[in-house]
PDB file of all heavy atoms in Angstrom:
ATOM      1  N   ASP A   1       5.591   7.046   2.637  1.00  0.00           N
ATOM      2  CA  ASP A   1       5.367   8.318   3.287  1.00  0.00           C
ATOM      3  C   ASP A   1       5.897   9.441   2.507  1.00  0.00           C
ATOM      4  O   ASP A   1       5.702  10.637   2.835  1.00  0.00           O
ATOM      5  CB  ASP A   1       6.044   8.294   4.672  1.00  0.00           C
ATOM      6  CG  ASP A   1       7.464   7.882   4.659  1.00  0.00           C
ATOM      7  OD1 ASP A   1       7.834   7.012   3.782  1.00  0.00           O
ATOM      8  OD2 ASP A   1       8.227   8.467   5.484  1.00  0.00           O
ATOM      9  N   ASP A   2       6.480   9.209   1.270  1.00  0.00           N
ATOM     10  CA  ASP A   2       6.898  10.284   0.417  1.00  0.00           C
ATOM     11  C   ASP A   2       5.847  10.662  -0.590  1.00  0.00           C
ATOM     12  O   ASP A   2       5.987  11.614  -1.397  1.00  0.00           O
ATOM     13  CB  ASP A   2       8.184   9.930  -0.340  1.00  0.00           C
ATOM     14  CG  ASP A   2       8.045   8.643  -1.107  1.00  0.00           C
ATOM     15  OD1 ASP A   2       7.107   7.867  -0.885  1.00  0.00           O
ATOM     16  OD2 ASP A   2       8.920   8.336  -1.933  1.00  0.00           O
ATOM     17  N   MET A   3       4.682  10.006  -0.570  1.00  0.00           N
ATOM     18  CA  MET A   3       3.589  10.325  -1.470  1.00  0.00           C
ATOM     19  C   MET A   3       2.959  11.646  -1.081  1.00  0.00           C
ATOM     20  O   MET A   3       2.902  11.992   0.121  1.00  0.00           O
ATOM     21  CB  MET A   3       2.495   9.224  -1.456  1.00  0.00           C
ATOM     22  CG  MET A   3       3.022   7.874  -1.886  1.00  0.00           C
ATOM     23  SD  MET A   3       3.632   7.750  -3.562  1.00  0.00           S
ATOM     24  CE  MET A   3       2.101   7.744  -4.486  1.00  0.00           C
ATOM     25  N   THR A   4       2.507  12.448  -2.047  1.00  0.00           N
ATOM     26  CA  THR A   4       1.936  13.748  -1.715  1.00  0.00           C
ATOM     27  C   THR A   4       0.414  13.753  -1.654  1.00  0.00           C
ATOM     28  O   THR A   4      -0.175  14.698  -1.092  1.00  0.00           O
ATOM     29  CB  THR A   4       2.448  14.786  -2.747  1.00  0.00           C
ATOM     30  OG1 THR A   4       2.000  14.393  -4.071  1.00  0.00           O
ATOM     31  CG2 THR A   4       3.894  14.974  -2.702  1.00  0.00           C
ATOM     32  N   LYS A   5      -0.160  12.723  -2.242  1.00  0.00           N
ATOM     33  CA  LYS A   5      -1.657  12.649  -2.304  1.00  0.00           C
ATOM     34  C   LYS A   5      -2.094  11.179  -2.139  1.00  0.00           C
ATOM     35  O   LYS A   5      -1.302  10.264  -2.433  1.00  0.00           O
ATOM     36  CB  LYS A   5      -2.224  13.126  -3.624  1.00  0.00           C
ATOM     37  CG  LYS A   5      -2.008  14.607  -3.796  1.00  0.00           C
ATOM     38  CD  LYS A   5      -2.700  15.131  -5.113  1.00  0.00           C
ATOM     39  CE  LYS A   5      -2.443  16.524  -5.363  1.00  0.00           C
ATOM     40  NZ  LYS A   5      -3.010  17.470  -4.425  1.00  0.00           N
ATOM     41  N   ILE A   6      -3.304  10.973  -1.569  1.00  0.00           N
ATOM     42  CA  ILE A   6      -3.920   9.666  -1.519  1.00  0.00           C
ATOM     43  C   ILE A   6      -5.386   9.890  -1.965  1.00  0.00           C
ATOM     44  O   ILE A   6      -5.924  10.942  -1.739  1.00  0.00           O
ATOM     45  CB  ILE A   6      -3.803   9.044  -0.110  1.00  0.00           C
ATOM     46  CG1 ILE A   6      -4.170   7.577  -0.154  1.00  0.00           C
ATOM     47  CG2 ILE A   6      -4.612   9.864   0.913  1.00  0.00           C
ATOM     48  CD1 ILE A   6      -3.786   6.811   1.136  1.00  0.00           C
ATOM     49  N   GLN A   7      -5.855   8.862  -2.642  1.00  0.00           N
ATOM     50  CA  GLN A   7      -7.246   8.953  -3.141  1.00  0.00           C
ATOM     51  C   GLN A   7      -8.094   7.864  -2.419  1.00  0.00           C
ATOM     52  O   GLN A   7      -7.588   6.904  -1.924  1.00  0.00           O
ATOM     53  CB  GLN A   7      -7.312   8.664  -4.618  1.00  0.00           C
ATOM     54  CG  GLN A   7      -6.673   9.788  -5.425  1.00  0.00           C
ATOM     55  CD  GLN A   7      -5.106   9.791  -5.464  1.00  0.00           C
ATOM     56  OE1 GLN A   7      -4.470   8.750  -5.269  1.00  0.00           O
ATOM     57  NE2 GLN A   7      -4.484  10.882  -5.755  1.00  0.00           N
ATOM     58  N   ARG A   8      -9.386   8.204  -2.396  1.00  0.00           N
ATOM     59  CA  ARG A   8     -10.300   7.248  -1.783  1.00  0.00           C
ATOM     60  C   ARG A   8     -11.612   7.151  -2.554  1.00  0.00           C
ATOM     61  O   ARG A   8     -12.016   8.086  -3.212  1.00  0.00           O
ATOM     62  CB  ARG A   8     -10.562   7.487  -0.322  1.00  0.00           C
ATOM     63  CG  ARG A   8     -11.395   8.758  -0.033  1.00  0.00           C
ATOM     64  CD  ARG A   8     -12.742   8.295   0.374  1.00  0.00           C
ATOM     65  NE  ARG A   8     -13.591   9.409   0.819  1.00  0.00           N
ATOM     66  CZ  ARG A   8     -14.653   9.871   0.117  1.00  0.00           C
ATOM     67  NH1 ARG A   8     -15.078   9.247  -0.927  1.00  0.00           N
ATOM     68  NH2 ARG A   8     -15.356  10.854   0.585  1.00  0.00           N
ATOM     69  N   LEU A   9     -12.188   5.997  -2.493  1.00  0.00           N
ATOM     70  CA  LEU A   9     -13.514   5.719  -3.021  1.00  0.00           C
ATOM     71  C   LEU A   9     -14.434   5.478  -1.849  1.00  0.00           C
ATOM     72  O   LEU A   9     -14.100   4.684  -1.004  1.00  0.00           O
ATOM     73  CB  LEU A   9     -13.511   4.549  -3.962  1.00  0.00           C
ATOM     74  CG  LEU A   9     -12.577   4.608  -5.226  1.00  0.00           C
ATOM     75  CD1 LEU A   9     -12.642   3.359  -5.924  1.00  0.00           C
ATOM     76  CD2 LEU A   9     -13.072   5.806  -6.104  1.00  0.00           C
ATOM     77  N   GLU A  10     -15.585   6.088  -1.912  1.00  0.00           N
ATOM     78  CA  GLU A  10     -16.620   5.890  -0.814  1.00  0.00           C
ATOM     79  C   GLU A  10     -17.655   5.024  -1.368  1.00  0.00           C
ATOM     80  O   GLU A  10     -18.203   5.263  -2.453  1.00  0.00           O
ATOM     81  CB  GLU A  10     -17.221   7.182  -0.395  1.00  0.00           C
ATOM     82  CG  GLU A  10     -18.335   7.046   0.697  1.00  0.00           C
ATOM     83  CD  GLU A  10     -18.986   8.348   1.054  1.00  0.00           C
ATOM     84  OE1 GLU A  10     -18.266   9.347   1.045  1.00  0.00           O
ATOM     85  OE2 GLU A  10     -20.123   8.323   1.397  1.00  0.00           O
ATOM     86  N   PHE A  11     -17.955   3.918  -0.657  1.00  0.00           N
ATOM     87  CA  PHE A  11     -18.941   2.969  -1.158  1.00  0.00           C
ATOM     88  C   PHE A  11     -20.312   3.231  -0.535  1.00  0.00           C
ATOM     89  O   PHE A  11     -21.252   3.610  -1.143  1.00  0.00           O
ATOM     90  CB  PHE A  11     -18.490   1.512  -0.995  1.00  0.00           C
ATOM     91  CG  PHE A  11     -17.342   1.194  -1.988  1.00  0.00           C
ATOM     92  CD1 PHE A  11     -16.250   0.521  -1.543  1.00  0.00           C
ATOM     93  CD2 PHE A  11     -17.436   1.586  -3.328  1.00  0.00           C
ATOM     94  CE1 PHE A  11     -15.239   0.150  -2.390  1.00  0.00           C
ATOM     95  CE2 PHE A  11     -16.473   1.204  -4.200  1.00  0.00           C
ATOM     96  CZ  PHE A  11     -15.326   0.553  -3.707  1.00  0.00           C
ATOM     97  N   THR A  12     -20.421   2.958   0.794  1.00  0.00           N
ATOM     98  CA  THR A  12     -21.662   3.241   1.494  1.00  0.00           C
ATOM     99  C   THR A  12     -21.324   3.685   2.903  1.00  0.00           C
ATOM    100  O   THR A  12     -20.424   3.172   3.463  1.00  0.00           O
ATOM    101  CB  THR A  12     -22.599   2.004   1.545  1.00  0.00           C
ATOM    102  OG1 THR A  12     -21.912   0.988   2.224  1.00  0.00           O
ATOM    103  CG2 THR A  12     -23.043   1.564   0.189  1.00  0.00           C
ATOM    104  N   GLY A  13     -22.059   4.585   3.441  1.00  0.00           N
ATOM    105  CA  GLY A  13     -21.906   4.954   4.807  1.00  0.00           C
ATOM    106  C   GLY A  13     -20.509   5.278   5.184  1.00  0.00           C
ATOM    107  O   GLY A  13     -19.894   6.227   4.814  1.00  0.00           O
ATOM    108  N   THR A  14     -19.846   4.315   5.889  1.00  0.00           N
ATOM    109  CA  THR A  14     -18.532   4.473   6.432  1.00  0.00           C
ATOM    110  C   THR A  14     -17.528   3.745   5.603  1.00  0.00           C
ATOM    111  O   THR A  14     -16.270   3.852   5.919  1.00  0.00           O
ATOM    112  CB  THR A  14     -18.402   4.046   7.872  1.00  0.00           C
ATOM    113  OG1 THR A  14     -18.766   2.663   7.905  1.00  0.00           O
ATOM    114  CG2 THR A  14     -19.383   4.789   8.770  1.00  0.00           C
ATOM    115  N   GLN A  15     -17.848   3.032   4.589  1.00  0.00           N
ATOM    116  CA  GLN A  15     -16.899   2.153   3.890  1.00  0.00           C
ATOM    117  C   GLN A  15     -16.103   2.981   2.818  1.00  0.00           C
ATOM    118  O   GLN A  15     -16.610   3.685   1.979  1.00  0.00           O
ATOM    119  CB  GLN A  15     -17.634   1.042   3.113  1.00  0.00           C
ATOM    120  CG  GLN A  15     -18.416   0.163   4.040  1.00  0.00           C
ATOM    121  CD  GLN A  15     -19.335  -0.769   3.241  1.00  0.00           C
ATOM    122  OE1 GLN A  15     -19.659  -0.550   2.124  1.00  0.00           O
ATOM    123  NE2 GLN A  15     -19.788  -1.769   3.917  1.00  0.00           N
ATOM    124  N   ARG A  16     -14.765   2.832   2.968  1.00  0.00           N
ATOM    125  CA  ARG A  16     -13.838   3.560   2.026  1.00  0.00           C
ATOM    126  C   ARG A  16     -12.775   2.571   1.488  1.00  0.00           C
ATOM    127  O   ARG A  16     -12.322   1.682   2.264  1.00  0.00           O
ATOM    128  CB  ARG A  16     -13.096   4.666   2.780  1.00  0.00           C
ATOM    129  CG  ARG A  16     -14.015   5.628   3.531  1.00  0.00           C
ATOM    130  CD  ARG A  16     -14.790   6.581   2.644  1.00  0.00           C
ATOM    131  NE  ARG A  16     -15.457   7.662   3.335  1.00  0.00           N
ATOM    132  CZ  ARG A  16     -16.695   7.593   3.810  1.00  0.00           C
ATOM    133  NH1 ARG A  16     -17.358   6.458   3.810  1.00  0.00           N
ATOM    134  NH2 ARG A  16     -17.201   8.662   4.424  1.00  0.00           N
ATOM    135  N   LEU A  17     -12.324   2.830   0.331  1.00  0.00           N
ATOM    136  CA  LEU A  17     -11.215   2.142  -0.245  1.00  0.00           C
ATOM    137  C   LEU A  17     -10.145   3.151  -0.600  1.00  0.00           C
ATOM    138  O   LEU A  17     -10.410   4.191  -1.270  1.00  0.00           O
ATOM    139  CB  LEU A  17     -11.642   1.412  -1.540  1.00  0.00           C
ATOM    140  CG  LEU A  17     -10.623   0.470  -2.177  1.00  0.00           C
ATOM    141  CD1 LEU A  17     -10.473  -0.802  -1.343  1.00  0.00           C
ATOM    142  CD2 LEU A  17     -11.029   0.104  -3.603  1.00  0.00           C
ATOM    143  N   TYR A  18      -8.906   3.016  -0.029  1.00  0.00           N
ATOM    144  CA  TYR A  18      -7.839   4.010  -0.227  1.00  0.00           C
ATOM    145  C   TYR A  18      -6.822   3.466  -1.147  1.00  0.00           C
ATOM    146  O   TYR A  18      -6.523   2.265  -1.132  1.00  0.00           O
ATOM    147  CB  TYR A  18      -7.247   4.412   1.136  1.00  0.00           C
ATOM    148  CG  TYR A  18      -8.119   5.284   1.936  1.00  0.00           C
ATOM    149  CD1 TYR A  18      -9.066   4.817   2.827  1.00  0.00           C
ATOM    150  CD2 TYR A  18      -8.001   6.691   1.885  1.00  0.00           C
ATOM    151  CE1 TYR A  18      -9.922   5.624   3.549  1.00  0.00           C
ATOM    152  CE2 TYR A  18      -8.816   7.540   2.608  1.00  0.00           C
ATOM    153  CZ  TYR A  18      -9.717   7.000   3.427  1.00  0.00           C
ATOM    154  OH  TYR A  18     -10.526   7.824   4.202  1.00  0.00           O
ATOM    155  N   GLY A  19      -6.158   4.338  -1.833  1.00  0.00           N
ATOM    156  CA  GLY A  19      -5.058   3.957  -2.711  1.00  0.00           C
ATOM    157  C   GLY A  19      -4.417   5.186  -3.390  1.00  0.00           C
ATOM    158  O   GLY A  19      -4.773   6.322  -3.098  1.00  0.00           O
ATOM    159  N   PHE A  20      -3.639   4.890  -4.361  1.00  0.00           N
ATOM    160  CA  PHE A  20      -2.909   5.956  -5.135  1.00  0.00           C
ATOM    161  C   PHE A  20      -3.326   5.789  -6.553  1.00  0.00           C
ATOM    162  O   PHE A  20      -3.180   4.757  -7.174  1.00  0.00           O
ATOM    163  CB  PHE A  20      -1.427   5.787  -4.979  1.00  0.00           C
ATOM    164  CG  PHE A  20      -0.957   5.874  -3.513  1.00  0.00           C
ATOM    165  CD1 PHE A  20      -0.541   4.695  -2.852  1.00  0.00           C
ATOM    166  CD2 PHE A  20      -1.043   7.070  -2.845  1.00  0.00           C
ATOM    167  CE1 PHE A  20      -0.113   4.767  -1.531  1.00  0.00           C
ATOM    168  CE2 PHE A  20      -0.624   7.157  -1.531  1.00  0.00           C
ATOM    169  CZ  PHE A  20      -0.146   6.039  -0.785  1.00  0.00           C
ATOM    170  N   LEU A  21      -3.805   6.860  -7.156  1.00  0.00           N
ATOM    171  CA  LEU A  21      -4.217   6.907  -8.535  1.00  0.00           C
ATOM    172  C   LEU A  21      -3.061   7.373  -9.400  1.00  0.00           C
ATOM    173  O   LEU A  21      -2.581   8.536  -9.236  1.00  0.00           O
ATOM    174  CB  LEU A  21      -5.454   7.803  -8.709  1.00  0.00           C
ATOM    175  CG  LEU A  21      -6.081   7.845 -10.116  1.00  0.00           C
ATOM    176  CD1 LEU A  21      -6.622   6.488 -10.496  1.00  0.00           C
ATOM    177  CD2 LEU A  21      -7.169   8.896 -10.089  1.00  0.00           C
ATOM    178  N   GLU A  22      -2.589   6.584 -10.306  1.00  0.00           N
ATOM    179  CA  GLU A  22      -1.564   6.929 -11.220  1.00  0.00           C
ATOM    180  C   GLU A  22      -2.054   6.658 -12.675  1.00  0.00           C
ATOM    181  O   GLU A  22      -2.301   5.560 -12.967  1.00  0.00           O
ATOM    182  CB  GLU A  22      -0.277   6.070 -10.958  1.00  0.00           C
ATOM    183  CG  GLU A  22       0.840   6.308 -11.898  1.00  0.00           C
ATOM    184  CD  GLU A  22       1.370   7.715 -11.821  1.00  0.00           C
ATOM    185  OE1 GLU A  22       1.335   8.387 -10.745  1.00  0.00           O
ATOM    186  OE2 GLU A  22       1.837   8.253 -12.865  1.00  0.00           O
ATOM    187  N   GLY A  23      -2.233   7.751 -13.323  1.00  0.00           N
ATOM    188  CA  GLY A  23      -2.878   7.639 -14.675  1.00  0.00           C
ATOM    189  C   GLY A  23      -4.316   7.178 -14.446  1.00  0.00           C
ATOM    190  O   GLY A  23      -5.066   7.688 -13.740  1.00  0.00           O
ATOM    191  N   ASN A  24      -4.638   6.038 -15.178  1.00  0.00           N
ATOM    192  CA  ASN A  24      -5.963   5.443 -14.975  1.00  0.00           C
ATOM    193  C   ASN A  24      -5.996   4.265 -14.031  1.00  0.00           C
ATOM    194  O   ASN A  24      -6.984   3.598 -13.919  1.00  0.00           O
ATOM    195  CB  ASN A  24      -6.505   5.063 -16.363  1.00  0.00           C
ATOM    196  CG  ASN A  24      -5.803   3.842 -16.940  1.00  0.00           C
ATOM    197  OD1 ASN A  24      -4.625   3.744 -16.847  1.00  0.00           O
ATOM    198  ND2 ASN A  24      -6.576   2.933 -17.444  1.00  0.00           N
ATOM    199  N   VAL A  25      -4.843   4.010 -13.365  1.00  0.00           N
ATOM    200  CA  VAL A  25      -4.729   2.858 -12.450  1.00  0.00           C
ATOM    201  C   VAL A  25      -4.804   3.268 -10.996  1.00  0.00           C
ATOM    202  O   VAL A  25      -4.035   4.090 -10.533  1.00  0.00           O
ATOM    203  CB  VAL A  25      -3.376   2.103 -12.721  1.00  0.00           C
ATOM    204  CG1 VAL A  25      -3.282   0.913 -11.780  1.00  0.00           C
ATOM    205  CG2 VAL A  25      -3.327   1.630 -14.174  1.00  0.00           C
ATOM    206  N   PHE A  26      -5.751   2.671 -10.252  1.00  0.00           N
ATOM    207  CA  PHE A  26      -5.903   2.928  -8.883  1.00  0.00           C
ATOM    208  C   PHE A  26      -5.175   1.790  -8.122  1.00  0.00           C
ATOM    209  O   PHE A  26      -5.596   0.601  -8.232  1.00  0.00           O
ATOM    210  CB  PHE A  26      -7.392   2.911  -8.507  1.00  0.00           C
ATOM    211  CG  PHE A  26      -7.692   3.340  -7.106  1.00  0.00           C
ATOM    212  CD1 PHE A  26      -8.147   4.654  -6.858  1.00  0.00           C
ATOM    213  CD2 PHE A  26      -7.680   2.486  -6.035  1.00  0.00           C
ATOM    214  CE1 PHE A  26      -8.453   5.155  -5.585  1.00  0.00           C
ATOM    215  CE2 PHE A  26      -7.955   2.954  -4.718  1.00  0.00           C
ATOM    216  CZ  PHE A  26      -8.333   4.213  -4.555  1.00  0.00           C
ATOM    217  N   HIS A  27      -4.145   2.118  -7.423  1.00  0.00           N
ATOM    218  CA  HIS A  27      -3.250   1.153  -6.661  1.00  0.00           C
ATOM    219  C   HIS A  27      -3.907   1.073  -5.267  1.00  0.00           C
ATOM    220  O   HIS A  27      -3.729   1.931  -4.419  1.00  0.00           O
ATOM    221  CB  HIS A  27      -1.834   1.567  -6.584  1.00  0.00           C
ATOM    222  CG  HIS A  27      -1.182   1.633  -7.935  1.00  0.00           C
ATOM    223  ND1 HIS A  27      -0.459   0.613  -8.420  1.00  0.00           N
ATOM    224  CD2 HIS A  27      -1.147   2.607  -8.920  1.00  0.00           C
ATOM    225  CE1 HIS A  27       0.023   0.896  -9.635  1.00  0.00           C
ATOM    226  NE2 HIS A  27      -0.440   2.092  -9.940  1.00  0.00           N
ATOM    227  N   VAL A  28      -4.617  -0.038  -5.060  1.00  0.00           N
ATOM    228  CA  VAL A  28      -5.329  -0.204  -3.785  1.00  0.00           C
ATOM    229  C   VAL A  28      -4.375  -0.404  -2.655  1.00  0.00           C
ATOM    230  O   VAL A  28      -3.441  -1.308  -2.747  1.00  0.00           O
ATOM    231  CB  VAL A  28      -6.315  -1.380  -3.890  1.00  0.00           C
ATOM    232  CG1 VAL A  28      -7.019  -1.696  -2.576  1.00  0.00           C
ATOM    233  CG2 VAL A  28      -7.319  -1.157  -4.983  1.00  0.00           C
ATOM    234  N   VAL A  29      -4.654   0.238  -1.522  1.00  0.00           N
ATOM    235  CA  VAL A  29      -3.765   0.135  -0.287  1.00  0.00           C
ATOM    236  C   VAL A  29      -4.597  -0.377   0.867  1.00  0.00           C
ATOM    237  O   VAL A  29      -4.239  -1.322   1.508  1.00  0.00           O
ATOM    238  CB  VAL A  29      -3.090   1.441   0.049  1.00  0.00           C
ATOM    239  CG1 VAL A  29      -2.269   1.305   1.334  1.00  0.00           C
ATOM    240  CG2 VAL A  29      -2.182   1.925  -1.013  1.00  0.00           C
ATOM    241  N   TRP A  30      -5.731   0.261   1.172  1.00  0.00           N
ATOM    242  CA  TRP A  30      -6.577  -0.059   2.329  1.00  0.00           C
ATOM    243  C   TRP A  30      -8.000  -0.213   2.092  1.00  0.00           C
ATOM    244  O   TRP A  30      -8.576   0.636   1.371  1.00  0.00           O
ATOM    245  CB  TRP A  30      -6.375   0.983   3.393  1.00  0.00           C
ATOM    246  CG  TRP A  30      -5.033   1.220   3.949  1.00  0.00           C
ATOM    247  CD1 TRP A  30      -4.163   0.235   4.370  1.00  0.00           C
ATOM    248  CD2 TRP A  30      -4.346   2.463   4.200  1.00  0.00           C
ATOM    249  NE1 TRP A  30      -2.976   0.835   4.885  1.00  0.00           N
ATOM    250  CE2 TRP A  30      -3.067   2.224   4.722  1.00  0.00           C
ATOM    251  CE3 TRP A  30      -4.756   3.788   3.994  1.00  0.00           C
ATOM    252  CZ2 TRP A  30      -2.201   3.218   5.150  1.00  0.00           C
ATOM    253  CZ3 TRP A  30      -3.809   4.778   4.368  1.00  0.00           C
ATOM    254  CH2 TRP A  30      -2.589   4.506   4.908  1.00  0.00           C
ATOM    255  N   TRP A  31      -8.637  -1.139   2.808  1.00  0.00           N
ATOM    256  CA  TRP A  31     -10.046  -1.237   2.901  1.00  0.00           C
ATOM    257  C   TRP A  31     -10.400  -0.732   4.293  1.00  0.00           C
ATOM    258  O   TRP A  31     -10.001  -1.340   5.288  1.00  0.00           O
ATOM    259  CB  TRP A  31     -10.576  -2.669   2.732  1.00  0.00           C
ATOM    260  CG  TRP A  31     -11.991  -2.826   3.110  1.00  0.00           C
ATOM    261  CD1 TRP A  31     -12.447  -3.558   4.149  1.00  0.00           C
ATOM    262  CD2 TRP A  31     -13.103  -2.235   2.491  1.00  0.00           C
ATOM    263  NE1 TRP A  31     -13.863  -3.503   4.184  1.00  0.00           N
ATOM    264  CE2 TRP A  31     -14.274  -2.672   3.151  1.00  0.00           C
ATOM    265  CE3 TRP A  31     -13.306  -1.436   1.334  1.00  0.00           C
ATOM    266  CZ2 TRP A  31     -15.595  -2.311   2.788  1.00  0.00           C
ATOM    267  CZ3 TRP A  31     -14.602  -1.049   0.993  1.00  0.00           C
ATOM    268  CH2 TRP A  31     -15.647  -1.517   1.733  1.00  0.00           C
ATOM    269  N   ASP A  32     -11.163   0.353   4.367  1.00  0.00           N
ATOM    270  CA  ASP A  32     -11.489   1.032   5.661  1.00  0.00           C
ATOM    271  C   ASP A  32     -13.007   0.953   5.858  1.00  0.00           C
ATOM    272  O   ASP A  32     -13.764   1.888   5.456  1.00  0.00           O
ATOM    273  CB  ASP A  32     -11.000   2.451   5.612  1.00  0.00           C
ATOM    274  CG  ASP A  32     -11.300   3.231   6.893  1.00  0.00           C
ATOM    275  OD1 ASP A  32     -11.673   2.617   7.926  1.00  0.00           O
ATOM    276  OD2 ASP A  32     -11.203   4.464   6.825  1.00  0.00           O
ATOM    277  N   PRO A  33     -13.524  -0.099   6.467  1.00  0.00           N
ATOM    278  CA  PRO A  33     -14.991  -0.245   6.572  1.00  0.00           C
ATOM    279  C   PRO A  33     -15.594   0.653   7.602  1.00  0.00           C
ATOM    280  O   PRO A  33     -16.794   0.899   7.614  1.00  0.00           O
ATOM    281  CB  PRO A  33     -15.170  -1.721   6.989  1.00  0.00           C
ATOM    282  CG  PRO A  33     -13.905  -2.099   7.693  1.00  0.00           C
ATOM    283  CD  PRO A  33     -12.852  -1.255   6.980  1.00  0.00           C
ATOM    284  N   ASN A  34     -14.835   1.236   8.534  1.00  0.00           N
ATOM    285  CA  ASN A  34     -15.372   1.954   9.588  1.00  0.00           C
ATOM    286  C   ASN A  34     -14.917   3.476   9.588  1.00  0.00           C
ATOM    287  O   ASN A  34     -14.950   4.165  10.636  1.00  0.00           O
ATOM    288  CB  ASN A  34     -15.016   1.370  10.965  1.00  0.00           C
ATOM    289  CG  ASN A  34     -15.567  -0.023  11.074  1.00  0.00           C
ATOM    290  OD1 ASN A  34     -16.744  -0.273  10.799  1.00  0.00           O
ATOM    291  ND2 ASN A  34     -14.719  -1.020  11.428  1.00  0.00           N
ATOM    292  N   HIS A  35     -14.439   3.951   8.445  1.00  0.00           N
ATOM    293  CA  HIS A  35     -14.093   5.364   8.299  1.00  0.00           C
ATOM    294  C   HIS A  35     -13.101   5.828   9.323  1.00  0.00           C
ATOM    295  O   HIS A  35     -13.221   6.875   9.948  1.00  0.00           O
ATOM    296  CB  HIS A  35     -15.375   6.187   8.348  1.00  0.00           C
ATOM    297  CG  HIS A  35     -15.259   7.580   7.721  1.00  0.00           C
ATOM    298  ND1 HIS A  35     -15.204   8.696   8.470  1.00  0.00           N
ATOM    299  CD2 HIS A  35     -15.169   7.931   6.439  1.00  0.00           C
ATOM    300  CE1 HIS A  35     -15.153   9.717   7.679  1.00  0.00           C
ATOM    301  NE2 HIS A  35     -15.093   9.283   6.460  1.00  0.00           N
TER     302      HIS A  35
END
C-alpha cells in the first residue's frame, strides 16, 4: 500500500494483468479477467 503507481496490461475486452514495473521488469500481482 506504500506503492505510488500500478501498471496494467490489457489483453482483450475485460482482461487485465496488473503489477509493478521496475526498470524493464514487470512484477505481476493480479490477473483480472472481468475488469
